[in-house]
Amino acid sequence: MDASDGITVNMLNCNAAEMAQQDARLNHFYNVVRLNLDEPLSAQLLAAQRAWISFRDNDCGLLGMLTGGTMDALNGSSCFLEKTRARADDMQWLAESI
């Protein structure tokens, strides 16, 4: 983000690049966890993940439209990034715990 020089489009590009990495990390650890669970727990994990995605999308979508200003896009993308990073951390913890 420091390399963005405070330019909104550059900050959005930084967020997008980091989001791709965190999303890949989340998907990796999600699959590790899923493959190590019996079917009832695997189905519960799927339900939890779908609910989390819905929450993230709605919560960050709101932040991305809240003021109608130029910072909305950055606020929304930052929200997506932070929530995805946190979920990836949670999934990594689960993967390392089972």
PDB file of N, CA and C in Angstrom:
ATOM      1  N   MET A   1       0.827  -1.181   0.000  1.00  0.00           N
ATOM      2  CA  MET A   1       0.000   0.000   0.000  1.00  0.00           C
ATOM      3  C   MET A   1       0.876   1.251   0.000  1.00  0.00           C
ATOM      4  N   ASP A   2       2.065   1.176   0.599  1.00  0.00           N
ATOM      5  CA  ASP A   2       2.944   2.345   0.625  1.00  0.00           C
ATOM      6  C   ASP A   2       3.339   2.784  -0.776  1.00  0.00           C
ATOM      7  N   ALA A   3       3.445   1.842  -1.697  1.00  0.00           N
ATOM      8  CA  ALA A   3       3.840   2.162  -3.068  1.00  0.00           C
ATOM      9  C   ALA A   3       2.732   2.838  -3.856  1.00  0.00           C
ATOM     10  N   SER A   4       1.572   2.997  -3.274  1.00  0.00           N
ATOM     11  CA  SER A   4       0.428   3.562  -3.996  1.00  0.00           C
ATOM     12  C   SER A   4       0.509   5.071  -4.144  1.00  0.00           C
ATOM     13  N   ASP A   5       1.382   5.712  -3.362  1.00  0.00           N
ATOM     14  CA  ASP A   5       1.502   7.179  -3.376  1.00  0.00           C
ATOM     15  C   ASP A   5       0.180   7.871  -3.064  1.00  0.00           C
ATOM     16  N   GLY A   6      -0.701   7.203  -2.345  1.00  0.00           N
ATOM     17  CA  GLY A   6      -1.976   7.803  -1.975  1.00  0.00           C
ATOM     18  C   GLY A   6      -2.967   7.935  -3.113  1.00  0.00           C
ATOM     19  N   ILE A   7      -2.684   7.295  -4.235  1.00  0.00           N
ATOM     20  CA  ILE A   7      -3.568   7.356  -5.400  1.00  0.00           C
ATOM     21  C   ILE A   7      -4.579   6.217  -5.286  1.00  0.00           C
ATOM     22  N   THR A   8      -5.853   6.577  -5.315  1.00  0.00           N
ATOM     23  CA  THR A   8      -6.920   5.608  -5.040  1.00  0.00           C
ATOM     24  C   THR A   8      -6.832   4.382  -5.935  1.00  0.00           C
ATOM     25  N   VAL A   9      -6.649   4.565  -7.229  1.00  0.00           N
ATOM     26  CA  VAL A   9      -6.609   3.405  -8.130  1.00  0.00           C
ATOM     27  C   VAL A   9      -5.424   2.504  -7.798  1.00  0.00           C
ATOM     28  N   ASN A  10      -4.302   3.085  -7.386  1.00  0.00           N
ATOM     29  CA  ASN A  10      -3.156   2.272  -6.993  1.00  0.00           C
ATOM     30  C   ASN A  10      -3.437   1.513  -5.699  1.00  0.00           C
ATOM     31  N   MET A  11      -4.135   2.165  -4.766  1.00  0.00           N
ATOM     32  CA  MET A  11      -4.503   1.486  -3.522  1.00  0.00           C
ATOM     33  C   MET A  11      -5.461   0.330  -3.803  1.00  0.00           C
ATOM     34  N   LEU A  12      -6.400   0.547  -4.721  1.00  0.00           N
ATOM     35  CA  LEU A  12      -7.330  -0.527  -5.097  1.00  0.00           C
ATOM     36  C   LEU A  12      -6.581  -1.687  -5.733  1.00  0.00           C
ATOM     37  N   ASN A  13      -5.584  -1.381  -6.558  1.00  0.00           N
ATOM     38  CA  ASN A  13      -4.789  -2.439  -7.183  1.00  0.00           C
ATOM     39  C   ASN A  13      -3.996  -3.215  -6.143  1.00  0.00           C
ATOM     40  N   CYS A  14      -3.451  -2.517  -5.152  1.00  0.00           N
ATOM     41  CA  CYS A  14      -2.738  -3.196  -4.059  1.00  0.00           C
ATOM     42  C   CYS A  14      -3.683  -4.125  -3.298  1.00  0.00           C
ATOM     43  N   ASN A  15      -4.869  -3.621  -2.988  1.00  0.00           N
ATOM     44  CA  ASN A  15      -5.858  -4.444  -2.288  1.00  0.00           C
ATOM     45  C   ASN A  15      -6.236  -5.662  -3.112  1.00  0.00           C
ATOM     46  N   ALA A  16      -6.412  -5.476  -4.421  1.00  0.00           N
ATOM     47  CA  ALA A  16      -6.803  -6.594  -5.287  1.00  0.00           C
ATOM     48  C   ALA A  16      -5.718  -7.664  -5.321  1.00  0.00           C
ATOM     49  N   ALA A  17      -4.464  -7.251  -5.389  1.00  0.00           N
ATOM     50  CA  ALA A  17      -3.365  -8.221  -5.413  1.00  0.00           C
ATOM     51  C   ALA A  17      -3.292  -8.994  -4.102  1.00  0.00           C
ATOM     52  N   GLU A  18      -3.408  -8.294  -2.985  1.00  0.00           N
ATOM     53  CA  GLU A  18      -3.375  -8.964  -1.683  1.00  0.00           C
ATOM     54  C   GLU A  18      -4.609  -9.829  -1.481  1.00  0.00           C
ATOM     55  N   MET A  19      -5.746  -9.377  -1.973  1.00  0.00           N
ATOM     56  CA  MET A  19      -6.986 -10.151  -1.863  1.00  0.00           C
ATOM     57  C   MET A  19      -6.842 -11.481  -2.587  1.00  0.00           C
ATOM     58  N   ALA A  20      -6.231 -11.470  -3.761  1.00  0.00           N
ATOM     59  CA  ALA A  20      -6.032 -12.713  -4.512  1.00  0.00           C
ATOM     60  C   ALA A  20      -5.180 -13.691  -3.705  1.00  0.00           C
ATOM     61  N   GLN A  21      -4.144 -13.182  -3.048  1.00  0.00           N
ATOM     62  CA  GLN A  21      -3.287 -14.048  -2.233  1.00  0.00           C
ATOM     63  C   GLN A  21      -4.035 -14.601  -1.023  1.00  0.00           C
ATOM     64  N   GLN A  22      -4.785 -13.747  -0.348  1.00  0.00           N
ATOM     65  CA  GLN A  22      -5.512 -14.188   0.843  1.00  0.00           C
ATOM     66  C   GLN A  22      -6.645 -15.147   0.483  1.00  0.00           C
ATOM     67  N   ASP A  23      -7.295 -14.916  -0.649  1.00  0.00           N
ATOM     68  CA  ASP A  23      -8.361 -15.811  -1.091  1.00  0.00           C
ATOM     69  C   ASP A  23      -7.794 -17.185  -1.429  1.00  0.00           C
ATOM     70  N   ALA A  24      -6.634 -17.223  -2.081  1.00  0.00           N
ATOM     71  CA  ALA A  24      -5.984 -18.501  -2.380  1.00  0.00           C
ATOM     72  C   ALA A  24      -5.588 -19.207  -1.087  1.00  0.00           C
ATOM     73  N   ARG A  25      -5.085 -18.455  -0.129  1.00  0.00           N
ATOM     74  CA  ARG A  25      -4.716 -19.012   1.176  1.00  0.00           C
ATOM     75  C   ARG A  25      -5.942 -19.569   1.896  1.00  0.00           C
ATOM     76  N   LEU A  26      -7.032 -18.822   1.871  1.00  0.00           N
ATOM     77  CA  LEU A  26      -8.278 -19.279   2.482  1.00  0.00           C
ATOM     78  C   LEU A  26      -8.751 -20.569   1.827  1.00  0.00           C
ATOM     79  N   ASN A  27      -8.777 -20.600   0.508  1.00  0.00           N
ATOM     80  CA  ASN A  27      -9.235 -21.793  -0.205  1.00  0.00           C
ATOM     81  C   ASN A  27      -8.354 -22.997   0.089  1.00  0.00           C
ATOM     82  N   HIS A  28      -7.049 -22.780   0.174  1.00  0.00           N
ATOM     83  CA  HIS A  28      -6.128 -23.882   0.481  1.00  0.00           C
ATOM     84  C   HIS A  28      -6.450 -24.493   1.845  1.00  0.00           C
ATOM     85  N   PHE A  29      -6.517 -23.649   2.859  1.00  0.00           N
ATOM     86  CA  PHE A  29      -6.751 -24.175   4.207  1.00  0.00           C
ATOM     87  C   PHE A  29      -8.170 -24.704   4.384  1.00  0.00           C
ATOM     88  N   TYR A  30      -9.139 -24.110   3.701  1.00  0.00           N
ATOM     89  CA  TYR A  30     -10.506 -24.638   3.726  1.00  0.00           C
ATOM     90  C   TYR A  30     -10.500 -26.076   3.213  1.00  0.00           C
ATOM     91  N   ASN A  31      -9.816 -26.317   2.092  1.00  0.00           N
ATOM     92  CA  ASN A  31      -9.775 -27.663   1.522  1.00  0.00           C
ATOM     93  C   ASN A  31      -9.021 -28.639   2.412  1.00  0.00           C
ATOM     94  N   VAL A  32      -7.961 -28.175   3.066  1.00  0.00           N
ATOM     95  CA  VAL A  32      -7.243 -29.035   4.014  1.00  0.00           C
ATOM     96  C   VAL A  32      -8.181 -29.461   5.135  1.00  0.00           C
ATOM     97  N   VAL A  33      -8.909 -28.513   5.685  1.00  0.00           N
ATOM     98  CA  VAL A  33      -9.840 -28.822   6.775  1.00  0.00           C
ATOM     99  C   VAL A  33     -10.934 -29.758   6.280  1.00  0.00           C
ATOM    100  N   ARG A  34     -11.549 -29.420   5.155  1.00  0.00           N
ATOM    101  CA  ARG A  34     -12.667 -30.207   4.621  1.00  0.00           C
ATOM    102  C   ARG A  34     -12.265 -31.661   4.389  1.00  0.00           C
ATOM    103  N   LEU A  35     -11.085 -31.874   3.850  1.00  0.00           N
ATOM    104  CA  LEU A  35     -10.640 -33.230   3.550  1.00  0.00           C
ATOM    105  C   LEU A  35     -10.314 -34.040   4.803  1.00  0.00           C
ATOM    106  N   ASN A  36     -10.183 -33.374   5.936  1.00  0.00           N
ATOM    107  CA  ASN A  36      -9.870 -34.070   7.182  1.00  0.00           C
ATOM    108  C   ASN A  36     -11.065 -34.224   8.109  1.00  0.00           C
ATOM    109  N   LEU A  37     -12.254 -33.903   7.610  1.00  0.00           N
ATOM    110  CA  LEU A  37     -13.464 -34.026   8.420  1.00  0.00           C
ATOM    111  C   LEU A  37     -14.357 -35.140   7.897  1.00  0.00           C
ATOM    112  N   ASP A  38     -15.062 -35.791   8.811  1.00  0.00           N
ATOM    113  CA  ASP A  38     -16.094 -36.743   8.415  1.00  0.00           C
ATOM    114  C   ASP A  38     -17.254 -35.972   7.799  1.00  0.00           C
ATOM    115  N   GLU A  39     -18.125 -36.700   7.090  1.00  0.00           N
ATOM    116  CA  GLU A  39     -19.206 -36.061   6.336  1.00  0.00           C
ATOM    117  C   GLU A  39     -20.094 -35.117   7.150  1.00  0.00           C
ATOM    118  N   PRO A  40     -20.574 -35.473   8.310  1.00  0.00           N
ATOM    119  CA  PRO A  40     -21.439 -34.504   9.009  1.00  0.00           C
ATOM    120  C   PRO A  40     -20.708 -33.187   9.301  1.00  0.00           C
ATOM    121  N   LEU A  41     -19.454 -33.282   9.704  1.00  0.00           N
ATOM    122  CA  LEU A  41     -18.690 -32.067   9.994  1.00  0.00           C
ATOM    123  C   LEU A  41     -18.314 -31.324   8.721  1.00  0.00           C
ATOM    124  N   SER A  42     -18.052 -32.054   7.664  1.00  0.00           N
ATOM    125  CA  SER A  42     -17.749 -31.421   6.381  1.00  0.00           C
ATOM    126  C   SER A  42     -18.943 -30.612   5.879  1.00  0.00           C
ATOM    127  N   ALA A  43     -20.140 -31.152   6.046  1.00  0.00           N
ATOM    128  CA  ALA A  43     -21.357 -30.432   5.655  1.00  0.00           C
ATOM    129  C   ALA A  43     -21.551 -29.193   6.525  1.00  0.00           C
ATOM    130  N   GLN A  44     -21.232 -29.304   7.810  1.00  0.00           N
ATOM    131  CA  GLN A  44     -21.328 -28.152   8.711  1.00  0.00           C
ATOM    132  C   GLN A  44     -20.322 -27.076   8.319  1.00  0.00           C
ATOM    133  N   LEU A  45     -19.120 -27.491   7.951  1.00  0.00           N
ATOM    134  CA  LEU A  45     -18.107 -26.539   7.494  1.00  0.00           C
ATOM    135  C   LEU A  45     -18.585 -25.807   6.244  1.00  0.00           C
ATOM    136  N   LEU A  46     -19.172 -26.543   5.308  1.00  0.00           N
ATOM    137  CA  LEU A  46     -19.696 -25.931   4.084  1.00  0.00           C
ATOM    138  C   LEU A  46     -20.782 -24.909   4.412  1.00  0.00           C
ATOM    139  N   ALA A  47     -21.690 -25.260   5.303  1.00  0.00           N
ATOM    140  CA  ALA A  47     -22.756 -24.331   5.697  1.00  0.00           C
ATOM    141  C   ALA A  47     -22.169 -23.087   6.366  1.00  0.00           C
ATOM    142  N   ALA A  48     -21.185 -23.291   7.230  1.00  0.00           N
ATOM    143  CA  ALA A  48     -20.546 -22.160   7.909  1.00  0.00           C
ATOM    144  C   ALA A  48     -19.828 -21.259   6.911  1.00  0.00           C
ATOM    145  N   GLN A  49     -19.157 -21.866   5.948  1.00  0.00           N
ATOM    146  CA  GLN A  49     -18.424 -21.073   4.958  1.00  0.00           C
ATOM    147  C   GLN A  49     -19.377 -20.273   4.077  1.00  0.00           C
ATOM    148  N   ARG A  50     -20.463 -20.890   3.692  1.00  0.00           N
ATOM    149  CA  ARG A  50     -21.455 -20.166   2.877  1.00  0.00           C
ATOM    150  C   ARG A  50     -22.062 -19.002   3.657  1.00  0.00           C
ATOM    151  N   ALA A  51     -22.337 -19.220   4.929  1.00  0.00           N
ATOM    152  CA  ALA A  51     -22.881 -18.144   5.769  1.00  0.00           C
ATOM    153  C   ALA A  51     -21.851 -17.028   5.940  1.00  0.00           C
ATOM    154  N   TRP A  52     -20.594 -17.397   6.122  1.00  0.00           N
ATOM    155  CA  TRP A  52     -19.542 -16.393   6.267  1.00  0.00           C
ATOM    156  C   TRP A  52     -19.402 -15.566   4.990  1.00  0.00           C
ATOM    157  N   ILE A  53     -19.425 -16.221   3.830  1.00  0.00           N
ATOM    158  CA  ILE A  53     -19.319 -15.504   2.553  1.00  0.00           C
ATOM    159  C   ILE A  53     -20.467 -14.518   2.404  1.00  0.00           C
ATOM    160  N   SER A  54     -21.669 -14.942   2.751  1.00  0.00           N
ATOM    161  CA  SER A  54     -22.826 -14.052   2.671  1.00  0.00           C
ATOM    162  C   SER A  54     -22.658 -12.856   3.602  1.00  0.00           C
ATOM    163  N   PHE A  55     -22.215 -13.106   4.827  1.00  0.00           N
ATOM    164  CA  PHE A  55     -21.965 -12.023   5.777  1.00  0.00           C
ATOM    165  C   PHE A  55     -20.918 -11.057   5.238  1.00  0.00           C
ATOM    166  N   ARG A  56     -19.781 -11.597   4.791  1.00  0.00           N
ATOM    167  CA  ARG A  56     -18.702 -10.749   4.267  1.00  0.00           C
ATOM    168  C   ARG A  56     -19.181  -9.908   3.094  1.00  0.00           C
ATOM    169  N   ASP A  57     -19.854 -10.545   2.154  1.00  0.00           N
ATOM    170  CA  ASP A  57     -20.306  -9.832   0.958  1.00  0.00           C
ATOM    171  C   ASP A  57     -21.292  -8.721   1.298  1.00  0.00           C
ATOM    172  N   ASN A  58     -22.222  -8.998   2.198  1.00  0.00           N
ATOM    173  CA  ASN A  58     -23.206  -7.981   2.579  1.00  0.00           C
ATOM    174  C   ASN A  58     -22.589  -6.866   3.415  1.00  0.00           C
ATOM    175  N   ASP A  59     -21.764  -7.228   4.374  1.00  0.00           N
ATOM    176  CA  ASP A  59     -21.147  -6.235   5.245  1.00  0.00           C
ATOM    177  C   ASP A  59     -20.213  -5.317   4.456  1.00  0.00           C
ATOM    178  N   CYS A  60     -19.352  -5.903   3.659  1.00  0.00           N
ATOM    179  CA  CYS A  60     -18.397  -5.104   2.893  1.00  0.00           C
ATOM    180  C   CYS A  60     -19.078  -4.385   1.733  1.00  0.00           C
ATOM    181  N   GLY A  61     -20.126  -4.986   1.186  1.00  0.00           N
ATOM    182  CA  GLY A  61     -20.893  -4.301   0.149  1.00  0.00           C
ATOM    183  C   GLY A  61     -21.504  -3.019   0.674  1.00  0.00           C
ATOM    184  N   LEU A  62     -21.983  -3.065   1.911  1.00  0.00           N
ATOM    185  CA  LEU A  62     -22.527  -1.861   2.542  1.00  0.00           C
ATOM    186  C   LEU A  62     -21.450  -0.788   2.673  1.00  0.00           C
ATOM    187  N   LEU A  63     -20.282  -1.171   3.177  1.00  0.00           N
ATOM    188  CA  LEU A  63     -19.197  -0.201   3.327  1.00  0.00           C
ATOM    189  C   LEU A  63     -18.765   0.368   1.984  1.00  0.00           C
ATOM    190  N   GLY A  64     -18.914  -0.430   0.938  1.00  0.00           N
ATOM    191  CA  GLY A  64     -18.535   0.012  -0.395  1.00  0.00           C
ATOM    192  C   GLY A  64     -19.530   0.956  -1.031  1.00  0.00           C
ATOM    193  N   MET A  65     -20.662   1.209  -0.369  1.00  0.00           N
ATOM    194  CA  MET A  65     -21.684   2.100  -0.928  1.00  0.00           C
ATOM    195  C   MET A  65     -22.175   3.132   0.084  1.00  0.00           C
ATOM    196  N   LEU A  66     -21.616   3.159   1.246  1.00  0.00           N
ATOM    197  CA  LEU A  66     -22.182   3.892   2.376  1.00  0.00           C
ATOM    198  C   LEU A  66     -22.278   5.403   2.181  1.00  0.00           C
ATOM    199  N   THR A  67     -21.236   6.014   1.688  1.00  0.00           N
ATOM    200  CA  THR A  67     -21.234   7.480   1.631  1.00  0.00           C
ATOM    201  C   THR A  67     -21.495   8.043   0.250  1.00  0.00           C
ATOM    202  N   GLY A  68     -21.303   7.231  -0.771  1.00  0.00           N
ATOM    203  CA  GLY A  68     -21.437   7.739  -2.130  1.00  0.00           C
ATOM    204  C   GLY A  68     -20.211   8.512  -2.575  1.00  0.00           C
ATOM    205  N   GLY A  69     -19.177   8.520  -1.749  1.00  0.00           N
ATOM    206  CA  GLY A  69     -17.956   9.252  -2.063  1.00  0.00           C
ATOM    207  C   GLY A  69     -16.919   8.388  -2.752  1.00  0.00           C
ATOM    208  N   THR A  70     -15.813   9.017  -3.092  1.00  0.00           N
ATOM    209  CA  THR A  70     -14.760   8.323  -3.830  1.00  0.00           C
ATOM    210  C   THR A  70     -14.049   7.269  -2.991  1.00  0.00           C
ATOM    211  N   MET A  71     -14.141   7.364  -1.677  1.00  0.00           N
ATOM    212  CA  MET A  71     -13.467   6.391  -0.822  1.00  0.00           C
ATOM    213  C   MET A  71     -14.280   5.114  -0.622  1.00  0.00           C
ATOM    214  N   ASP A  72     -15.509   5.093  -1.092  1.00  0.00           N
ATOM    215  CA  ASP A  72     -16.342   3.901  -0.908  1.00  0.00           C
ATOM    216  C   ASP A  72     -15.689   2.654  -1.483  1.00  0.00           C
ATOM    217  N   ALA A  73     -15.154   2.755  -2.693  1.00  0.00           N
ATOM    218  CA  ALA A  73     -14.537   1.583  -3.318  1.00  0.00           C
ATOM    219  C   ALA A  73     -13.368   1.083  -2.477  1.00  0.00           C
ATOM    220  N   LEU A  74     -12.569   1.991  -1.966  1.00  0.00           N
ATOM    221  CA  LEU A  74     -11.433   1.603  -1.137  1.00  0.00           C
ATOM    222  C   LEU A  74     -11.895   1.020   0.197  1.00  0.00           C
ATOM    223  N   ASN A  75     -12.904   1.631   0.803  1.00  0.00           N
ATOM    224  CA  ASN A  75     -13.449   1.089   2.056  1.00  0.00           C
ATOM    225  C   ASN A  75     -13.990  -0.316   1.851  1.00  0.00           C
ATOM    226  N   GLY A  76     -14.723  -0.531   0.764  1.00  0.00           N
ATOM    227  CA  GLY A  76     -15.272  -1.850   0.475  1.00  0.00           C
ATOM    228  C   GLY A  76     -14.190  -2.877   0.218  1.00  0.00           C
ATOM    229  N   SER A  77     -13.203  -2.535  -0.618  1.00  0.00           N
ATOM    230  CA  SER A  77     -12.152  -3.501  -0.936  1.00  0.00           C
ATOM    231  C   SER A  77     -11.286  -3.793   0.282  1.00  0.00           C
ATOM    232  N   SER A  78     -11.060  -2.790   1.119  1.00  0.00           N
ATOM    233  CA  SER A  78     -10.288  -3.020   2.349  1.00  0.00           C
ATOM    234  C   SER A  78     -11.040  -3.941   3.301  1.00  0.00           C
ATOM    235  N   CYS A  79     -12.343  -3.777   3.367  1.00  0.00           N
ATOM    236  CA  CYS A  79     -13.180  -4.646   4.195  1.00  0.00           C
ATOM    237  C   CYS A  79     -13.100  -6.094   3.707  1.00  0.00           C
ATOM    238  N   PHE A  80     -13.271  -6.300   2.393  1.00  0.00           N
ATOM    239  CA  PHE A  80     -13.166  -7.645   1.824  1.00  0.00           C
ATOM    240  C   PHE A  80     -11.816  -8.260   2.162  1.00  0.00           C
ATOM    241  N   LEU A  81     -10.763  -7.479   2.008  1.00  0.00           N
ATOM    242  CA  LEU A  81      -9.415  -7.973   2.273  1.00  0.00           C
ATOM    243  C   LEU A  81      -9.248  -8.363   3.735  1.00  0.00           C
ATOM    244  N   GLU A  82      -9.621  -7.496   4.653  1.00  0.00           N
ATOM    245  CA  GLU A  82      -9.421  -7.775   6.075  1.00  0.00           C
ATOM    246  C   GLU A  82     -10.263  -8.954   6.558  1.00  0.00           C
ATOM    247  N   LYS A  83     -11.497  -9.046   6.103  1.00  0.00           N
ATOM    248  CA  LYS A  83     -12.348 -10.171   6.516  1.00  0.00           C
ATOM    249  C   LYS A  83     -11.828 -11.485   5.927  1.00  0.00           C
ATOM    250  N   THR A  84     -11.342 -11.440   4.690  1.00  0.00           N
ATOM    251  CA  THR A  84     -10.811 -12.649   4.057  1.00  0.00           C
ATOM    252  C   THR A  84      -9.519 -13.078   4.727  1.00  0.00           C
ATOM    253  N   ARG A  85      -8.660 -12.121   5.063  1.00  0.00           N
ATOM    254  CA  ARG A  85      -7.418 -12.444   5.765  1.00  0.00           C
ATOM    255  C   ARG A  85      -7.730 -13.074   7.128  1.00  0.00           C
ATOM    256  N   ALA A  86      -8.680 -12.521   7.843  1.00  0.00           N
ATOM    257  CA  ALA A  86      -9.053 -13.063   9.157  1.00  0.00           C
ATOM    258  C   ALA A  86      -9.626 -14.471   9.022  1.00  0.00           C
ATOM    259  N   ARG A  87     -10.449 -14.691   8.002  1.00  0.00           N
ATOM    260  CA  ARG A  87     -11.031 -16.026   7.794  1.00  0.00           C
ATOM    261  C   ARG A  87      -9.946 -17.018   7.400  1.00  0.00           C
ATOM    262  N   ALA A  88      -8.987 -16.585   6.597  1.00  0.00           N
ATOM    263  CA  ALA A  88      -7.868 -17.458   6.232  1.00  0.00           C
ATOM    264  C   ALA A  88      -7.057 -17.824   7.472  1.00  0.00           C
ATOM    265  N   ASP A  89      -6.856 -16.862   8.369  1.00  0.00           N
ATOM    266  CA  ASP A  89      -6.161 -17.151   9.631  1.00  0.00           C
ATOM    267  C   ASP A  89      -6.930 -18.189  10.443  1.00  0.00           C
ATOM    268  N   ASP A  90      -8.251 -18.027  10.521  1.00  0.00           N
ATOM    269  CA  ASP A  90      -9.089 -18.996  11.242  1.00  0.00           C
ATOM    270  C   ASP A  90      -8.984 -20.383  10.621  1.00  0.00           C
ATOM    271  N   MET A  91      -9.046 -20.432   9.298  1.00  0.00           N
ATOM    272  CA  MET A  91      -9.008 -21.720   8.600  1.00  0.00           C
ATOM    273  C   MET A  91      -7.632 -22.373   8.750  1.00  0.00           C
ATOM    274  N   GLN A  92      -6.580 -21.557   8.745  1.00  0.00           N
ATOM    275  CA  GLN A  92      -5.239 -22.092   8.963  1.00  0.00           C
ATOM    276  C   GLN A  92      -5.136 -22.685  10.365  1.00  0.00           C
ATOM    277  N   TRP A  93      -5.680 -21.987  11.353  1.00  0.00           N
ATOM    278  CA  TRP A  93      -5.669 -22.499  12.720  1.00  0.00           C
ATOM    279  C   TRP A  93      -6.398 -23.840  12.793  1.00  0.00           C
ATOM    280  N   LEU A  94      -7.573 -23.920  12.146  1.00  0.00           N
ATOM    281  CA  LEU A  94      -8.315 -25.185  12.134  1.00  0.00           C
ATOM    282  C   LEU A  94      -7.503 -26.291  11.474  1.00  0.00           C
ATOM    283  N   ALA A  95      -6.892 -25.977  10.337  1.00  0.00           N
ATOM    284  CA  ALA A  95      -6.106 -26.976   9.603  1.00  0.00           C
ATOM    285  C   ALA A  95      -4.952 -27.496  10.456  1.00  0.00           C
ATOM    286  N   GLU A  96      -4.349 -26.620  11.215  1.00  0.00           N
ATOM    287  CA  GLU A  96      -3.216 -27.015  12.054  1.00  0.00           C
ATOM    288  C   GLU A  96      -3.654 -27.681  13.352  1.00  0.00           C
ATOM    289  N   SER A  97      -4.942 -27.601  13.665  1.00  0.00           N
ATOM    290  CA  SER A  97      -5.458 -28.147  14.923  1.00  0.00           C
ATOM    291  C   SER A  97      -6.069 -29.532  14.780  1.00  0.00           C
ATOM    292  N   ILE A  98      -6.395 -29.930  13.558  1.00  0.00           N
ATOM    293  CA  ILE A  98      -7.048 -31.237  13.392  1.00  0.00           C
ATOM    294  C   ILE A  98      -6.069 -32.292  12.937  1.00  0.00           C
TER     295      ILE A  98
END
